[in-house]
């Protein structure tokens, strides 16, 4: 719950960026299905004026979802590929299990 709280309430920009990214990585390492919703929100965050920061954030969230690997987590990645922006699609494709070879 602490990592989900951090993702939902801490700004992903500024001095707490490292804490935010660590929370994303920790949710992926725990493989807890309760982390899917906050990771989905993190995957969708970003600003057009900060493309590198946004790409790093999205890749971290997609990697965490891929590590969780449940059908719900995979569905979030597949939905990002189908409906997301170009950056979301790229991040999701890179971390979708059994799809990176395609």
Protein backbone atom coordinates (compact mmCIF):
# COMPACT_ATOMS: atom_id res chain seq x y z
CA UNK A 1 0.00 0.00 0.00
CA UNK A 2 2.86 2.43 0.67
CA UNK A 3 4.26 2.15 -2.84
CA UNK A 4 0.81 2.61 -4.37
CA UNK A 5 0.30 5.68 -2.16
CA UNK A 6 3.60 7.14 -3.35
CA UNK A 7 2.65 6.65 -7.00
CA UNK A 8 -0.77 8.21 -6.46
CA UNK A 9 0.30 11.19 -4.32
CA UNK A 10 3.94 12.05 -5.02
CA UNK A 11 4.81 14.22 -7.99
CA UNK A 12 6.86 12.33 -10.56
CA UNK A 13 8.80 15.50 -11.30
CA UNK A 14 11.25 17.34 -9.11
CA UNK A 15 13.21 16.22 -6.07
CA UNK A 16 11.10 13.11 -5.32
CA UNK A 17 11.42 11.64 -8.81
CA UNK A 18 13.83 8.95 -7.59
CA UNK A 19 11.40 7.96 -4.83
CA UNK A 20 8.59 7.77 -7.38
CA UNK A 21 10.61 5.54 -9.72
CA UNK A 22 11.73 3.35 -6.80
CA UNK A 23 8.10 2.85 -5.81
CA UNK A 24 7.30 1.74 -9.36
CA UNK A 25 10.18 -0.73 -9.37
CA UNK A 26 9.20 -2.04 -5.94
CA UNK A 27 5.62 -2.72 -7.04
CA UNK A 28 6.97 -4.74 -9.94
CA UNK A 29 9.36 -6.65 -7.69
CA UNK A 30 6.59 -7.51 -5.23
CA UNK A 31 4.40 -8.87 -8.06
CA UNK A 32 1.32 -7.84 -6.11
CA UNK A 33 -1.81 -7.54 -8.27
CA UNK A 34 -2.90 -4.59 -6.11
CA UNK A 35 -0.15 -2.58 -7.80
CA UNK A 36 -1.67 -2.86 -11.27
CA UNK A 37 -4.01 0.15 -10.99
CA UNK A 38 -1.35 2.60 -9.77
CA UNK A 39 1.08 1.31 -12.39
CA UNK A 40 -1.55 1.80 -15.09
CA UNK A 41 -1.88 5.41 -13.97
CA UNK A 42 1.90 5.83 -13.99
CA UNK A 43 2.05 4.39 -17.51
CA UNK A 44 -0.37 7.07 -18.67
CA UNK A 45 1.43 9.98 -16.98
CA UNK A 46 3.74 12.25 -18.84
CA UNK A 47 4.19 15.60 -20.47
CA UNK A 48 4.73 16.34 -24.12
CA UNK A 49 7.35 18.96 -23.21
CA UNK A 50 9.52 16.43 -21.31
CA UNK A 51 9.77 13.43 -23.66
CA UNK A 52 12.81 11.79 -22.06
CA UNK A 53 11.41 12.01 -18.56
CA UNK A 54 8.08 10.70 -19.82
CA UNK A 55 9.74 7.81 -21.67
CA UNK A 56 11.69 6.79 -18.57
CA UNK A 57 8.57 6.90 -16.45
CA UNK A 58 6.55 4.86 -18.94
CA UNK A 59 9.28 2.26 -19.42
CA UNK A 60 9.59 1.81 -15.64
CA UNK A 61 5.82 1.37 -15.28
CA UNK A 62 5.62 -1.04 -18.24
CA UNK A 63 8.56 -3.06 -16.89
CA UNK A 64 6.86 -3.33 -13.49
CA UNK A 65 3.62 -4.49 -15.13
CA UNK A 66 5.57 -7.03 -17.16
CA UNK A 67 7.23 -8.33 -13.98
CA UNK A 68 3.87 -8.71 -12.27
CA UNK A 69 2.80 -10.79 -15.27
CA UNK A 70 -0.77 -11.56 -14.22
CA UNK A 71 -3.48 -11.58 -16.90
CA UNK A 72 -4.69 -8.19 -15.64
CA UNK A 73 -1.20 -6.69 -15.87
CA UNK A 74 -0.75 -8.09 -19.37
CA UNK A 75 -4.16 -6.69 -20.34
CA UNK A 76 -3.02 -3.20 -19.27
CA UNK A 77 0.05 -3.52 -21.50
CA UNK A 78 -2.04 -4.82 -24.41
CA UNK A 79 -4.51 -1.97 -23.96
CA UNK A 80 -1.63 0.52 -24.03
CA UNK A 81 -0.42 -1.02 -27.30
CA UNK A 82 -3.90 -0.86 -28.81
CA UNK A 83 -5.04 2.55 -27.59
CA UNK A 84 -2.09 4.48 -26.19
CA UNK A 85 0.09 7.20 -27.56
CA UNK A 86 3.23 6.36 -29.48
CA UNK A 87 5.33 6.52 -26.30
CA UNK A 88 2.95 4.29 -24.39
CA UNK A 89 2.90 1.76 -27.23
CA UNK A 90 6.69 1.65 -27.39
CA UNK A 91 7.05 1.15 -23.63
CA UNK A 92 4.36 -1.52 -23.50
CA UNK A 93 5.76 -3.43 -26.50
CA UNK A 94 9.22 -3.49 -24.98
CA UNK A 95 7.98 -5.08 -21.76
CA UNK A 96 5.15 -7.35 -22.86
CA UNK A 97 6.20 -10.94 -22.13
CA UNK A 98 6.50 -13.24 -25.18
CA UNK A 99 5.96 -10.31 -27.51
CA UNK A 100 9.33 -8.56 -27.48
CA UNK A 101 10.66 -10.95 -30.15
CA UNK A 102 8.01 -9.82 -32.65
